[in-house]
Every structure is written in C-alpha cells, then in structure tokens.
Amino acid sequence: MRVFFLIMLFGVHLINAQEPIPKDSITQLDEVILLDALKTKGATGITVSEVISAKTFQNYSPVDMVSAINQIPGVHIFSGALNTNRITIRGIGARTLFGTDKLRLYYNDIPVTDGSGFSTIESFDLENLSQIEVIKGPKGTAFGASLGGAILLSPKKALGRSTNFSNNFTVGSFGLLKNNISFNHFDGKLRLGLQYGHMETDGYRQNNSFERDGILLNASYQINAKNKLALLVNHIDYTAQIPSSLGATAFEEDPQQATFTWRSAQGFETNNYSLVGLSYSYQFNEKTESTTSVFYSYLDHFEARPFSILDEYTNGIGFRTRFSGNFTFLQRAAEYTLGGELFKDEFNWSDFENRYEDNNGNGSLLGDRFAKNKEFRSQLNVFGTILLPLTDKFSAQLGLSTNKT
C-alpha cells in the first residue's frame, strides 16, 4: 500500500510537470546572425598558396604588417622603418638592399608593381585589407610568374547584406597615434566600402617621425545577372624622416641616435601615391566568365639625402583581362584560365645637390641639379592555365606564361 501511494504521488508530479507554460512567462529572443569574411583563393586551380585574413591581423598591432606576414613559412620581411621594407620569398629578393623585387604585387587583382619590377607594400594600410595571399615561386602563371612569386592584397568588404560604420583608434609609445574610419554597405547590388586612415609617430630614434594619410574607395555594382562594374580608388600620402643605419660602435653607445650626416641634413622622404582602377565582369554562361580592368597609377616621390636630393614622379597606365571557365574532360569538370596584362609607365627623376651644411642647421637645402633622366618602361604578360582531372583522386595542371619587358 505504501509503495502504491508513492507511485501515485510520483505520477501526480509528472502530470503537473506536463502542464503548458503560461505565454506571459515566455521570452522570445531575436535571432543572432554571426558573419565572418571567408578566405577566398585567388591562385588558379591546384596552385598552392597561403592566405592570412583579418582575423589574423587582429592578433597584431594595426601598425605592424610585418609581423602578420612573417608568420607565413618561407616569407620574410626585413623592416628598416615603417617606410622601408624588403620582402623575400624563399630567399628570392635578398640581394636587393632597400626594396622589394622579383615578385609581383596585386591589389584587388590590379598589378601595382612598377615598371622596374619594384613593389612597395608599405603603400597600403593593414586595416583596409581583408586578406593577404602569397603564391611562392613562379608557378602562379596568372600573376606574372616571377621568380619569387606573387602577393595578392584584397580590400575589406561588407559582410552579407548590411550597412556598418566603425572606427578603430590606437595609441602607443613614442607618440604613436592611429585612427581608421570605415564605412561598408551592401544591398545585393551596390557594394560600397570607404576607409580613411591617419597615422603618426615620433619613432624610437632621432629623425624618425612618420605621418601618413590614406583614403580607399572600393565600390561595385551588379547591373544584372551577367554584368558587373567595379571601381577602386586608393590614395596614400606620407612623410617619413630617415635616421639611416648605425655602425656597431655607434649602436652600442646610443641605439636611438640617427646617423650624423642624416641627422644634420634632417633626411626625409615624401610620397604621394594614387591608384585608380575600373573593372568590368561579364558572365557569358554558366561555364565561362571574364574580368577586364584598366588602371592608372601616379607616384610623386621626393627624398632628401646627405649626398643629394632626389625628385621623381611616375605615371603608369595598364590593362588586364582574364577569361576563366570549365569544360568536360573524361566525364569530369576541367578548368582553364587565359589572359594577359599590359603595363606602361614613364619615370622622370632628377638629382640635386644638398647644401645642408650651408643652411645654418636647418636641414636640407636644394642646390643645383646635376642629373636629369627619363625612362619609358613597358611590360607584357600573357598567361594560360589548364587543370585536368585524370581520375577522382589525381589531377594535373599545366601553366604557361610569357613576359616581355
């Protein structure tokens, strides 16, 4: 009887537990959608590449692009200052003292390597990038097939259909001040990204201040299912003092000092760099599409050194087109890419005497011109890649690139 009573009591509790919950006690939460930029591969076919994204950039200072890229195996950046970097890929480019060559640099699929083969990654703000992709060696035929490889920079875009505004403010030691304002919008057809950044720092050493302003406009419009237009405008203006390198004795005495001659001349460089690109994409059918870009670049460079004052400017114009698609091969989907790019620039430079010793301690003073030069440079690159799936587990890729400079 006692057991029967316990069973009945337990059953009553179960019945009570099944009673409906009053509606006024239910709290409904709005859905939460988490968005993150996916890594996209620019390298064609099975070409191996390394991609680091904005999530990785957040682990480092927004000033420190060097550390973010240095984590890629085989890639190393030597940094003398914020305005002086040298990138080597598997040692290629190590013989160049103060710059980056023997690799191609692309910004939103637009080549930004100049006519002499030099690339300046410091012209771009890390906070404006969504990802950096590195192709090691000449196997990336669609991107110049340079001995060192290629680096592909992609600007930030709005995630999903959204409109957002953000501001990132950074302060640090030695007078570091950096501010980045970003606006992004995407409504299904119009994609708009606008960023403005300012950075200044006194630097660790004497004669080591740096100030940069930059603006980036990245916009695209989907006209219809087959046609798309895109516009890219990037402008960077920076002034950097140059403390130059120290000998071992001077470094042990005071690592913060600038080299005597560069301190006396108050050596510096200023750069005004602009890039404008217009792209048109067309979807022929489900298997074939093309993207064609025309672009213009301008660089105004002025550098005061103890031994001379360099004044130069460069105007460049280019064209790039790429067709990609797929077809059936052995009852499997094969892929191909065909295209080419043509780039021409005009490089004007003059050298002047630096009479800083006669300027009463006020730094560099423009003297007589002793050199005036003009260079016309052009590059033509035609490429093609085909990927053939021979079996379900084995594929072969063939790439061919021809270059003329």
Protein backbone atom coordinates (compact mmCIF):
# COMPACT_ATOMS: atom_id res chain seq x y z
CA MET A 1 0.00 0.00 0.00
CA ARG A 2 2.87 2.33 0.85
CA VAL A 3 4.51 1.55 -2.50
CA PHE A 4 1.23 2.20 -4.31
CA PHE A 5 0.92 5.59 -2.59
CA LEU A 6 4.44 6.60 -3.65
CA ILE A 7 3.73 5.63 -7.27
CA MET A 8 0.54 7.71 -7.29
CA LEU A 9 2.35 10.69 -5.78
CA PHE A 10 5.14 10.46 -8.38
CA GLY A 11 2.55 10.22 -11.17
CA VAL A 12 0.79 13.35 -9.95
CA HIS A 13 4.07 15.25 -10.06
CA LEU A 14 4.68 14.01 -13.61
CA ILE A 15 1.23 15.16 -14.70
CA ASN A 16 1.83 18.58 -13.13
CA ALA A 17 5.19 18.82 -14.93
CA GLN A 18 3.47 18.39 -18.29
CA GLU A 19 1.11 21.35 -17.86
CA PRO A 20 1.59 24.09 -20.51
CA ILE A 21 3.71 27.08 -19.59
CA PRO A 22 1.79 30.37 -19.50
CA LYS A 23 2.50 32.54 -22.55
CA ASP A 24 3.30 35.59 -20.47
CA SER A 25 6.32 33.78 -18.97
CA ILE A 26 7.95 33.06 -22.36
CA THR A 27 10.72 35.42 -23.51
CA GLN A 28 11.40 35.26 -27.25
CA LEU A 29 14.90 36.25 -28.35
CA ASP A 30 15.70 37.75 -31.74
CA GLU A 31 17.87 35.65 -33.98
CA VAL A 32 21.60 36.30 -33.87
CA ILE A 33 23.50 36.04 -37.17
CA LEU A 34 27.27 35.71 -36.96
CA LEU A 35 29.13 36.83 -40.08
CA ASP A 36 32.82 36.39 -40.87
CA ALA A 37 34.76 37.03 -44.05
CA LEU A 38 35.65 33.75 -45.75
CA LYS A 39 39.11 33.21 -47.14
CA THR A 40 38.98 33.31 -50.93
CA LYS A 41 41.71 31.81 -53.07
CA GLY A 42 42.99 33.90 -55.96
CA ALA A 43 45.52 31.32 -57.16
CA THR A 44 44.20 29.24 -60.05
CA GLY A 45 43.49 25.52 -59.93
CA ILE A 46 45.62 23.44 -57.58
CA THR A 47 48.34 26.09 -57.27
CA VAL A 48 49.34 26.14 -53.62
CA SER A 49 49.07 29.44 -51.77
CA GLU A 50 48.97 30.73 -48.20
CA VAL A 51 46.15 33.02 -47.05
CA ILE A 52 46.03 35.10 -43.89
CA SER A 53 42.86 37.01 -43.07
CA ALA A 54 41.67 39.95 -41.00
CA LYS A 55 41.16 37.64 -38.01
CA THR A 56 44.92 37.05 -38.01
CA PHE A 57 45.64 40.78 -38.42
CA GLN A 58 43.76 41.42 -35.17
CA ASN A 59 46.44 39.48 -33.28
CA TYR A 60 48.99 42.16 -34.13
CA SER A 61 49.30 45.91 -33.90
CA PRO A 62 47.48 47.67 -36.77
CA VAL A 63 50.82 49.35 -37.47
CA ASP A 64 52.69 46.06 -37.76
CA MET A 65 52.03 44.48 -41.17
CA VAL A 66 55.50 42.92 -40.97
CA SER A 67 54.71 40.51 -38.12
CA ALA A 68 51.42 39.45 -39.72
CA ILE A 69 53.11 38.41 -42.97
CA ASN A 70 56.23 36.96 -41.34
CA GLN A 71 54.17 34.08 -39.93
CA ILE A 72 53.89 32.56 -43.43
CA PRO A 73 56.55 29.85 -43.87
CA GLY A 74 59.18 30.82 -46.44
CA VAL A 75 58.19 34.51 -46.43
CA HIS A 76 60.20 37.10 -44.53
CA ILE A 77 60.03 40.89 -44.37
CA PHE A 78 63.07 42.87 -43.32
CA SER A 79 61.94 46.23 -41.95
CA GLY A 80 64.31 49.16 -41.58
CA ALA A 81 61.46 51.57 -40.82
CA LEU A 82 57.75 51.97 -41.49
CA ASN A 83 58.61 53.28 -44.95
CA THR A 84 61.40 50.81 -45.78
CA ASN A 85 60.63 47.11 -46.16
CA ARG A 86 62.08 44.25 -48.16
CA ILE A 87 60.14 41.06 -48.80
CA THR A 88 61.89 37.80 -49.63
CA ILE A 89 60.14 34.56 -50.59
CA ARG A 90 62.33 31.51 -50.07
CA GLY A 91 65.34 33.82 -50.18
CA ILE A 92 64.47 35.32 -53.57
CA GLY A 93 64.97 39.08 -53.45
CA ALA A 94 67.60 39.01 -50.69
CA ARG A 95 70.19 40.76 -52.88
CA THR A 96 68.05 43.88 -53.13
CA LEU A 97 69.12 46.24 -50.33
CA PHE A 98 66.28 48.72 -49.85
CA GLY A 99 63.15 47.44 -51.55
CA THR A 100 61.20 44.50 -52.88
CA ASP A 101 61.69 42.99 -56.32
CA LYS A 102 61.47 39.62 -58.09
CA LEU A 103 57.84 39.24 -57.04
CA ARG A 104 54.55 40.70 -58.24
CA LEU A 105 52.17 42.64 -56.01
CA TYR A 106 48.45 42.82 -56.86
CA TYR A 107 45.79 44.94 -55.18
CA ASN A 108 42.25 43.73 -55.86
CA ASP A 109 43.58 41.86 -58.95
CA ILE A 110 45.25 45.05 -60.27
CA PRO A 111 49.06 44.89 -60.63
CA VAL A 112 50.78 47.56 -58.54
CA THR A 113 54.40 46.56 -59.17
CA ASP A 114 56.12 49.37 -61.09
CA GLY A 115 57.83 49.14 -64.47
CA SER A 116 61.23 48.32 -62.96
CA GLY A 117 59.82 45.36 -61.00
CA PHE A 118 59.73 47.04 -57.56
CA SER A 119 56.81 46.68 -55.15
CA THR A 120 56.06 48.84 -52.09
CA ILE A 121 53.74 47.05 -49.68
CA GLU A 122 54.09 49.93 -47.20
CA SER A 123 51.85 51.97 -49.52
CA PHE A 124 48.84 50.05 -48.18
CA ASP A 125 47.15 50.20 -44.77
CA LEU A 126 46.81 46.85 -42.99
CA GLU A 127 43.46 47.89 -41.51
CA ASN A 128 41.98 48.28 -45.01
CA LEU A 129 42.76 44.68 -46.00
CA SER A 130 40.52 41.63 -45.66
CA GLN A 131 43.26 39.14 -46.55
CA ILE A 132 46.76 38.65 -47.95
CA GLU A 133 47.50 35.69 -50.21
CA VAL A 134 51.04 34.58 -51.05
CA ILE A 135 51.97 32.37 -54.01
CA LYS A 136 55.52 31.11 -53.64
CA GLY A 137 57.62 30.72 -56.75
CA PRO A 138 56.84 31.15 -60.45
CA LYS A 139 54.03 28.57 -60.62
CA GLY A 140 51.33 31.25 -60.28
CA THR A 141 51.28 31.86 -64.04
CA ALA A 142 48.22 34.13 -63.90
CA PHE A 143 50.17 36.58 -61.71
CA GLY A 144 53.39 37.27 -63.58
CA ALA A 145 55.29 34.02 -62.89
CA SER A 146 58.04 35.97 -61.12
CA LEU A 147 60.92 34.04 -59.60
CA GLY A 148 59.87 34.91 -56.05
CA GLY A 149 56.13 34.60 -56.55
CA ALA A 150 53.19 36.93 -56.04
CA ILE A 151 51.37 38.65 -53.18
CA LEU A 152 47.65 39.35 -53.60
CA LEU A 153 46.06 42.04 -51.40
CA SER A 154 42.27 42.18 -51.02
CA PRO A 155 40.46 45.22 -49.54
CA LYS A 156 37.70 44.87 -46.95
CA LYS A 157 34.07 44.42 -47.99
CA ALA A 158 30.71 44.46 -46.22
CA LEU A 159 29.72 41.06 -44.81
CA GLY A 160 26.33 39.93 -46.03
CA ARG A 161 23.61 42.47 -46.77
CA SER A 162 24.46 45.12 -44.24
CA THR A 163 25.45 48.71 -43.63
CA ASN A 164 28.00 49.40 -40.95
CA PHE A 165 30.28 52.13 -39.69
CA SER A 166 33.30 51.56 -37.48
CA ASN A 167 36.19 53.50 -36.04
CA ASN A 168 39.41 52.00 -34.69
CA PHE A 169 41.65 54.23 -32.58
CA THR A 170 45.15 53.19 -31.49
CA VAL A 171 47.67 54.96 -29.25
CA GLY A 172 51.11 53.72 -28.29
CA SER A 173 54.58 54.60 -27.15
CA PHE A 174 56.86 57.12 -28.89
CA GLY A 175 53.91 59.30 -29.85
CA LEU A 176 52.03 56.67 -31.85
CA LEU A 177 48.56 57.78 -32.91
CA LYS A 178 46.49 55.89 -35.48
CA ASN A 179 42.84 56.25 -36.42
CA ASN A 180 40.91 54.31 -39.06
CA ILE A 181 37.34 55.17 -40.07
CA SER A 182 35.46 52.61 -42.14
CA PHE A 183 32.05 52.59 -43.86
CA ASN A 184 30.75 49.50 -45.65
CA HIS A 185 27.43 48.86 -47.40
CA PHE A 186 25.95 46.03 -49.46
CA ASP A 187 22.30 45.73 -50.53
CA GLY A 188 22.54 42.92 -53.05
CA LYS A 189 23.53 45.11 -55.99
CA LEU A 190 25.60 48.01 -54.72
CA ARG A 191 28.69 47.21 -52.67
CA LEU A 192 30.46 50.24 -51.23
CA GLY A 193 33.49 50.47 -48.98
CA LEU A 194 35.07 53.74 -47.89
CA GLN A 195 38.01 53.96 -45.46
CA TYR A 196 40.11 56.84 -44.20
CA GLY A 197 43.19 56.34 -42.08
CA HIS A 198 45.66 58.62 -40.32
CA MET A 199 48.82 57.57 -38.53
CA GLU A 200 51.65 59.48 -36.89
CA THR A 201 54.55 58.56 -34.65
CA ASP A 202 57.73 60.18 -33.39
CA GLY A 203 59.64 56.92 -33.78
CA TYR A 204 62.17 55.29 -31.49
CA ARG A 205 65.22 57.06 -32.91
CA GLN A 206 66.22 60.62 -33.68
CA ASN A 207 64.98 61.98 -37.00
CA ASN A 208 62.49 59.12 -37.14
CA SER A 209 58.99 60.65 -37.28
CA PHE A 210 56.37 59.27 -39.64
CA GLU A 211 52.99 60.64 -40.73
CA ARG A 212 50.57 59.07 -43.21
CA ASP A 213 47.09 59.80 -44.50
CA GLY A 214 45.20 57.46 -46.77
CA ILE A 215 41.79 57.03 -48.35
CA LEU A 216 40.35 53.97 -50.04
CA LEU A 217 37.19 53.67 -52.13
CA ASN A 218 36.14 50.20 -53.24
CA ALA A 219 32.77 50.06 -55.00
CA SER A 220 30.97 47.66 -57.30
CA TYR A 221 27.50 47.47 -58.87
CA GLN A 222 25.76 44.35 -60.17
CA ILE A 223 23.94 45.69 -63.23
CA ASN A 224 22.21 42.38 -63.93
CA ALA A 225 22.92 38.67 -63.71
CA LYS A 226 25.69 38.91 -66.32
CA ASN A 227 27.23 42.38 -65.98
CA LYS A 228 29.13 43.95 -63.09
CA LEU A 229 31.14 47.17 -62.77
CA ALA A 230 33.72 47.92 -60.08
CA LEU A 231 35.74 51.00 -59.13
CA LEU A 232 38.85 51.14 -56.97
CA VAL A 233 40.50 54.38 -55.78
CA ASN A 234 43.42 54.28 -53.36
CA HIS A 235 45.48 57.29 -52.30
CA ILE A 236 48.34 57.39 -49.79
CA ASP A 237 50.28 60.47 -48.71
CA TYR A 238 53.10 60.04 -46.22
CA THR A 239 56.19 61.81 -44.95
CA ALA A 240 58.91 59.83 -43.21
CA GLN A 241 62.14 61.03 -41.67
CA ILE A 242 65.16 58.77 -42.23
CA PRO A 243 67.61 58.08 -39.38
CA SER A 244 69.64 55.65 -41.57
CA SER A 245 71.74 52.74 -40.31
CA LEU A 246 74.31 52.77 -37.50
CA GLY A 247 77.70 51.12 -37.14
CA ALA A 248 78.31 48.65 -34.31
CA THR A 249 80.16 51.21 -32.14
CA ALA A 250 77.51 53.92 -32.51
CA PHE A 251 74.75 51.39 -31.86
CA GLU A 252 76.34 50.29 -28.59
CA GLU A 253 76.77 53.90 -27.49
CA ASP A 254 73.20 55.01 -28.25
CA PRO A 255 70.82 52.92 -30.41
CA GLN A 256 68.36 55.81 -30.56
CA GLN A 257 70.69 58.19 -32.36
CA ALA A 258 70.44 58.88 -36.08
CA THR A 259 73.48 58.71 -38.34
CA PHE A 260 75.34 62.03 -38.03
CA THR A 261 75.04 63.12 -41.69
CA TRP A 262 71.35 62.16 -41.92
CA ARG A 263 70.63 63.96 -38.65
CA SER A 264 72.45 67.07 -39.88
CA ALA A 265 70.61 67.02 -43.22
CA GLN A 266 67.32 66.12 -41.49
CA GLY A 267 66.89 63.48 -44.17
CA PHE A 268 63.35 62.52 -45.14
CA GLU A 269 61.14 61.29 -47.95
CA THR A 270 57.63 62.21 -49.04
CA ASN A 271 55.37 60.08 -51.20
CA ASN A 272 52.07 60.81 -52.89
CA TYR A 273 50.74 57.59 -54.40
CA SER A 274 47.42 57.20 -56.23
CA LEU A 275 45.80 54.21 -57.91
CA VAL A 276 42.55 54.28 -59.89
CA GLY A 277 41.12 51.12 -61.43
CA LEU A 278 37.90 50.36 -63.31
CA SER A 279 36.83 46.74 -63.79
CA TYR A 280 34.10 45.10 -65.86
CA SER A 281 32.97 41.49 -65.34
CA TYR A 282 30.80 39.56 -67.78
CA GLN A 283 29.22 36.13 -67.32
CA PHE A 284 28.96 34.57 -70.79
CA ASN A 285 27.20 31.46 -69.49
CA GLU A 286 27.37 29.05 -66.57
CA LYS A 287 30.80 27.86 -67.71
CA THR A 288 32.61 31.00 -68.88
CA GLU A 289 33.24 34.43 -67.38
CA SER A 290 35.70 37.28 -67.87
CA THR A 291 37.03 40.24 -65.93
CA THR A 292 38.76 43.19 -67.59
CA SER A 293 40.43 46.08 -65.76
CA VAL A 294 42.01 49.35 -66.81
CA PHE A 295 44.03 51.28 -64.28
CA TYR A 296 46.17 54.37 -63.76
CA SER A 297 48.83 54.97 -61.11
CA TYR A 298 50.80 58.05 -60.09
CA LEU A 299 53.74 58.39 -57.71
CA ASP A 300 55.36 61.66 -56.67
CA HIS A 301 58.47 60.96 -54.64
CA PHE A 302 60.84 63.49 -53.03
CA GLU A 303 63.79 62.39 -50.91
CA ALA A 304 66.44 64.49 -49.21
CA ARG A 305 69.69 62.57 -48.58
CA PRO A 306 73.02 63.99 -47.34
CA PHE A 307 74.65 63.23 -50.69
CA SER A 308 71.82 64.53 -52.94
CA ILE A 309 68.15 65.42 -53.16
CA LEU A 310 66.07 63.14 -55.38
CA ASP A 311 62.93 64.43 -57.07
CA GLU A 312 60.95 61.95 -59.16
CA TYR A 313 57.48 61.21 -60.45
CA THR A 314 55.98 58.26 -62.31
CA ASN A 315 52.86 57.96 -64.45
CA GLY A 316 51.63 54.47 -65.24
CA ILE A 317 48.71 53.02 -67.17
CA GLY A 318 47.71 49.42 -67.65
CA PHE A 319 45.22 46.87 -68.87
CA ARG A 320 44.47 43.36 -67.57
CA THR A 321 41.97 40.77 -68.74
CA ARG A 322 41.27 37.23 -67.65
CA PHE A 323 38.90 34.58 -69.00
CA SER A 324 38.08 31.56 -66.85
CA GLY A 325 35.73 28.63 -67.16
CA ASN A 326 35.30 24.91 -67.17
CA PHE A 327 34.61 22.10 -69.62
CA THR A 328 34.12 18.34 -69.55
CA PHE A 329 37.22 16.14 -69.71
CA LEU A 330 36.97 12.35 -69.22
CA GLN A 331 33.47 12.94 -67.81
CA ARG A 332 34.91 15.26 -65.19
CA ALA A 333 34.94 19.05 -64.82
CA ALA A 334 38.20 20.60 -66.06
CA GLU A 335 39.14 24.26 -65.53
CA TYR A 336 41.05 26.83 -67.56
CA THR A 337 42.26 30.42 -67.27
CA LEU A 338 43.50 32.58 -70.14
CA GLY A 339 44.51 36.23 -70.12
CA GLY A 340 47.12 38.90 -70.27
CA GLU A 341 48.17 42.25 -68.92
CA LEU A 342 49.95 45.23 -70.42
CA PHE A 343 51.55 47.91 -68.30
CA LYS A 344 53.44 51.05 -69.32
CA ASP A 345 54.89 53.82 -67.22
CA GLU A 346 57.01 56.94 -67.63
CA PHE A 347 59.62 57.53 -64.94
CA ASN A 348 61.15 61.00 -64.55
CA TRP A 349 63.85 61.69 -61.98
CA SER A 350 66.34 64.43 -61.19
CA ASP A 351 69.17 64.74 -58.66
CA PHE A 352 70.14 67.99 -56.94
CA GLU A 353 72.97 69.00 -54.66
CA ASN A 354 72.09 69.06 -50.97
CA ARG A 355 73.60 72.15 -49.34
CA TYR A 356 72.53 71.32 -45.81
CA GLU A 357 75.98 72.28 -44.49
CA ASP A 358 75.31 75.87 -45.60
CA ASN A 359 71.80 76.04 -44.13
CA ASN A 360 72.63 77.10 -40.53
CA GLY A 361 71.47 73.79 -39.02
CA ASN A 362 68.05 73.93 -40.68
CA GLY A 363 68.46 70.70 -42.60
CA SER A 364 68.39 70.04 -46.32
CA LEU A 365 68.69 72.86 -48.85
CA LEU A 366 68.02 72.35 -52.57
CA GLY A 367 71.07 73.11 -54.69
CA ASP A 368 71.97 72.84 -58.37
CA ARG A 369 70.65 69.97 -60.47
CA PHE A 370 73.35 67.59 -61.71
CA ALA A 371 71.24 64.81 -63.21
CA LYS A 372 68.01 64.64 -65.21
CA ASN A 373 66.66 61.38 -66.57
CA LYS A 374 63.58 59.91 -68.17
CA GLU A 375 62.70 56.25 -68.61
CA PHE A 376 59.93 54.61 -70.64
CA ARG A 377 59.13 51.15 -69.36
CA SER A 378 56.60 48.59 -70.56
CA GLN A 379 55.67 45.06 -69.56
CA LEU A 380 53.59 42.50 -71.41
CA ASN A 381 52.49 39.29 -69.74
CA VAL A 382 50.36 36.62 -71.46
CA PHE A 383 49.34 33.56 -69.48
CA GLY A 384 47.26 30.41 -69.57
CA THR A 385 46.49 27.60 -67.13
CA ILE A 386 44.56 24.36 -67.56
CA LEU A 387 43.57 21.88 -64.85
CA LEU A 388 42.75 18.32 -65.96
CA PRO A 389 41.17 15.82 -63.52
CA LEU A 390 42.58 12.49 -64.76
CA THR A 391 40.90 10.45 -62.03
CA ASP A 392 38.78 11.18 -58.97
CA LYS A 393 41.95 11.45 -56.89
CA PHE A 394 44.57 12.65 -59.36
CA SER A 395 44.69 15.96 -61.28
CA ALA A 396 47.32 17.55 -63.49
CA GLN A 397 47.80 21.28 -64.08
CA LEU A 398 49.78 22.95 -66.83
CA GLY A 399 50.63 26.65 -66.83
CA LEU A 400 52.39 28.78 -69.41
CA SER A 401 53.41 32.43 -69.08
CA THR A 402 55.42 34.63 -71.42
CA ASN A 403 56.79 38.00 -70.36
CA LYS A 404 58.41 40.86 -72.21
CA THR A 405 59.85 43.96 -70.55
